[in-house]
């Protein structure tokens, strides 16, 4: 059995995410393998200051998946002004939950901003930009290769990715 929080919120005094709290039950979730296929909806919203579109995306995806049979305990959510260390720590927590699964599915939705590094198309590496700073620091960027390396979904687990960045 694994215990992990289902809802993480990174807040600043300028942007509150209280409406999402209405959608989620507080507390911790205990997961046991009951013989059925395990599944997890991993929802991440990474807005810049003053943006609400990412929150709206998260709520819409939560509602759509819930209507399609996902139970509240099958969601883990991260929302707010994120840093590289916060996002990677969250993904590491998720990896600890799904890393031992023999089968299952992970539905991963990320709503935020994208970026690229490299000077040519052949060198281009996609990533997530966590700030609107003109010259972001390394703590304000995460590369998709790092996201997948941290998440490490087992080969027998189906990963569905919906990036909106």
Protein backbone atom coordinates (compact mmCIF):
# COMPACT_ATOMS: atom_id res chain seq x y z
CA UNK A 1 0.00 0.00 0.00
CA UNK A 2 1.21 3.50 -0.81
CA UNK A 3 0.10 6.77 0.73
CA UNK A 4 0.56 9.96 -1.27
CA UNK A 5 -1.31 13.23 -1.26
CA UNK A 6 -3.75 13.51 -4.16
CA UNK A 7 -3.75 17.27 -4.46
CA UNK A 8 -0.78 19.57 -4.34
CA UNK A 9 -1.14 23.32 -4.61
CA UNK A 10 1.62 25.84 -5.04
CA UNK A 11 0.17 29.22 -4.29
CA UNK A 12 1.32 32.79 -4.13
CA UNK A 13 -0.56 35.64 -2.52
CA UNK A 14 -1.54 36.86 -6.00
CA UNK A 15 -3.31 33.74 -7.29
CA UNK A 16 -5.51 31.46 -5.25
CA UNK A 17 -6.71 28.04 -6.36
CA UNK A 18 -9.47 27.52 -3.82
CA UNK A 19 -12.12 26.59 -6.48
CA UNK A 20 -10.19 23.42 -7.27
CA UNK A 21 -10.31 22.40 -3.63
CA UNK A 22 -14.06 22.00 -4.01
CA UNK A 23 -13.38 19.27 -6.58
CA UNK A 24 -10.98 17.29 -4.46
CA UNK A 25 -11.32 15.59 -1.11
CA UNK A 26 -8.60 16.53 1.31
CA UNK A 27 -6.34 14.02 2.95
CA UNK A 28 -4.30 11.09 1.82
CA UNK A 29 -5.25 8.15 -0.33
CA UNK A 30 -4.47 4.53 0.38
CA UNK A 31 -4.09 2.40 -2.72
CA UNK A 32 -4.20 -1.39 -2.68
CA UNK A 33 -4.00 -3.72 -5.66
CA UNK A 34 -7.47 -5.22 -5.91
CA UNK A 35 -6.75 -7.21 -9.07
CA UNK A 36 -8.27 -4.66 -11.42
CA UNK A 37 -6.18 -2.51 -13.71
CA UNK A 38 -4.75 0.39 -11.78
CA UNK A 39 -5.01 3.84 -13.23
CA UNK A 40 -4.04 7.35 -12.32
CA UNK A 41 -4.93 10.74 -13.77
CA UNK A 42 -1.97 13.06 -13.30
CA UNK A 43 -3.05 16.68 -13.86
CA UNK A 44 -0.59 19.60 -13.78
CA UNK A 45 -1.41 23.28 -14.30
CA UNK A 46 1.57 25.67 -14.43
CA UNK A 47 0.32 29.21 -15.06
CA UNK A 48 2.31 32.39 -15.13
CA UNK A 49 1.27 35.26 -12.88
CA UNK A 50 -2.28 36.42 -13.56
CA UNK A 51 -3.24 33.54 -15.85
CA UNK A 52 -6.38 31.49 -15.27
CA UNK A 53 -6.55 29.43 -18.48
CA UNK A 54 -4.44 26.62 -17.03
CA UNK A 55 -6.75 26.29 -14.03
CA UNK A 56 -9.73 26.17 -16.39
CA UNK A 57 -8.01 23.45 -18.44
CA UNK A 58 -7.38 21.43 -15.30
CA UNK A 59 -11.00 21.68 -14.14
CA UNK A 60 -12.30 20.73 -17.61
CA UNK A 61 -10.01 17.68 -17.84
CA UNK A 62 -10.86 16.63 -14.29
CA UNK A 63 -14.59 16.80 -15.10
CA UNK A 64 -14.19 14.96 -18.42
CA UNK A 65 -12.19 12.11 -16.87
CA UNK A 66 -14.53 11.91 -13.89
CA UNK A 67 -17.50 11.59 -16.28
CA UNK A 68 -15.62 8.76 -18.01
CA UNK A 69 -15.28 6.78 -14.83
CA UNK A 70 -12.18 8.05 -13.03
CA UNK A 71 -12.83 8.05 -9.30
CA UNK A 72 -11.66 10.99 -7.14
CA UNK A 73 -8.96 8.83 -5.57
CA UNK A 74 -7.50 8.16 -9.04
CA UNK A 75 -6.45 11.81 -9.47
CA UNK A 76 -3.26 13.53 -8.37
CA UNK A 77 -3.11 17.23 -9.12
CA UNK A 78 -0.41 19.90 -9.01
CA UNK A 79 -1.42 23.48 -9.65
CA UNK A 80 0.13 26.89 -9.16
CA UNK A 81 3.36 28.80 -9.72
CA UNK A 82 5.80 25.94 -10.09
CA UNK A 83 9.53 25.64 -9.94
CA UNK A 84 11.67 22.92 -11.43
CA UNK A 85 12.32 21.34 -8.03
CA UNK A 86 8.62 21.33 -7.07
CA UNK A 87 7.52 19.77 -10.37
CA UNK A 88 10.24 17.12 -10.35
CA UNK A 89 9.53 16.26 -6.68
CA UNK A 90 5.84 15.87 -7.51
CA UNK A 91 6.65 13.58 -10.44
CA UNK A 92 8.99 11.57 -8.22
CA UNK A 93 6.12 11.07 -5.74
CA UNK A 94 3.93 9.85 -8.60
CA UNK A 95 6.71 7.52 -9.76
CA UNK A 96 6.84 5.94 -6.31
CA UNK A 97 3.13 5.21 -6.65
CA UNK A 98 3.14 3.73 -10.18
CA UNK A 99 6.68 2.36 -10.34
CA UNK A 100 5.70 -1.06 -8.99
CA UNK A 101 2.55 -1.48 -11.08
CA UNK A 102 2.47 -4.66 -13.15
CA UNK A 103 -0.22 -3.20 -15.42
CA UNK A 104 -2.34 -0.10 -15.59
CA UNK A 105 -2.65 3.30 -17.16
CA UNK A 106 -1.45 6.80 -16.40
CA UNK A 107 -3.24 9.73 -17.98
CA UNK A 108 -0.92 12.76 -17.83
CA UNK A 109 -2.20 16.23 -18.66
CA UNK A 110 0.01 19.30 -18.40
CA UNK A 111 -1.25 22.81 -19.07
CA UNK A 112 1.46 25.47 -19.16
CA UNK A 113 4.01 27.09 -21.45
CA UNK A 114 6.55 25.42 -23.68
CA UNK A 115 10.11 26.26 -24.60
CA UNK A 116 12.92 24.86 -26.72
CA UNK A 117 16.67 24.71 -26.33
CA UNK A 118 19.18 24.24 -29.10
CA UNK A 119 20.17 26.40 -32.05
CA UNK A 120 19.00 24.14 -34.89
CA UNK A 121 16.00 21.92 -35.51
CA UNK A 122 18.22 18.86 -35.12
CA UNK A 123 19.38 20.05 -31.68
CA UNK A 124 15.97 21.23 -30.47
CA UNK A 125 14.82 19.83 -27.14
CA UNK A 126 11.31 20.66 -25.90
CA UNK A 127 10.62 21.73 -22.36
CA UNK A 128 8.33 23.57 -20.00
CA UNK A 129 8.82 27.23 -19.19
CA UNK A 130 7.65 28.00 -15.67
CA UNK A 131 8.10 31.79 -15.79
CA UNK A 132 7.58 34.65 -18.20
CA UNK A 133 11.07 36.03 -17.42
CA UNK A 134 13.01 37.14 -20.48
CA UNK A 135 16.04 35.13 -19.33
CA UNK A 136 14.72 32.25 -17.22
CA UNK A 137 16.99 30.52 -14.75
CA UNK A 138 17.52 26.74 -14.83
CA UNK A 139 15.08 26.48 -11.86
CA UNK A 140 12.36 27.99 -14.08
CA UNK A 141 12.63 25.37 -16.87
CA UNK A 142 12.12 21.61 -17.06
CA UNK A 143 12.91 19.55 -20.16
CA UNK A 144 10.52 16.81 -21.28
CA UNK A 145 13.34 14.25 -21.19
CA UNK A 146 13.67 15.05 -17.46
CA UNK A 147 9.93 14.71 -16.94
CA UNK A 148 9.91 11.21 -18.43
CA UNK A 149 13.14 10.19 -16.70
CA UNK A 150 11.66 11.20 -13.34
CA UNK A 151 8.23 9.66 -13.96
CA UNK A 152 9.63 6.29 -15.17
CA UNK A 153 6.29 4.68 -16.00
CA UNK A 154 6.80 0.89 -16.24
CA UNK A 155 6.69 -0.58 -19.76
CA UNK A 156 3.51 -2.56 -19.02
CA UNK A 157 1.69 0.62 -17.95
CA UNK A 158 0.08 2.66 -20.70
CA UNK A 159 0.95 6.37 -20.59
CA UNK A 160 -1.34 8.84 -22.33
CA UNK A 161 0.11 12.34 -22.57
CA UNK A 162 -1.87 15.52 -23.23
CA UNK A 163 0.61 18.42 -23.25
CA UNK A 164 -0.92 21.87 -23.65
CA UNK A 165 2.21 23.99 -23.63
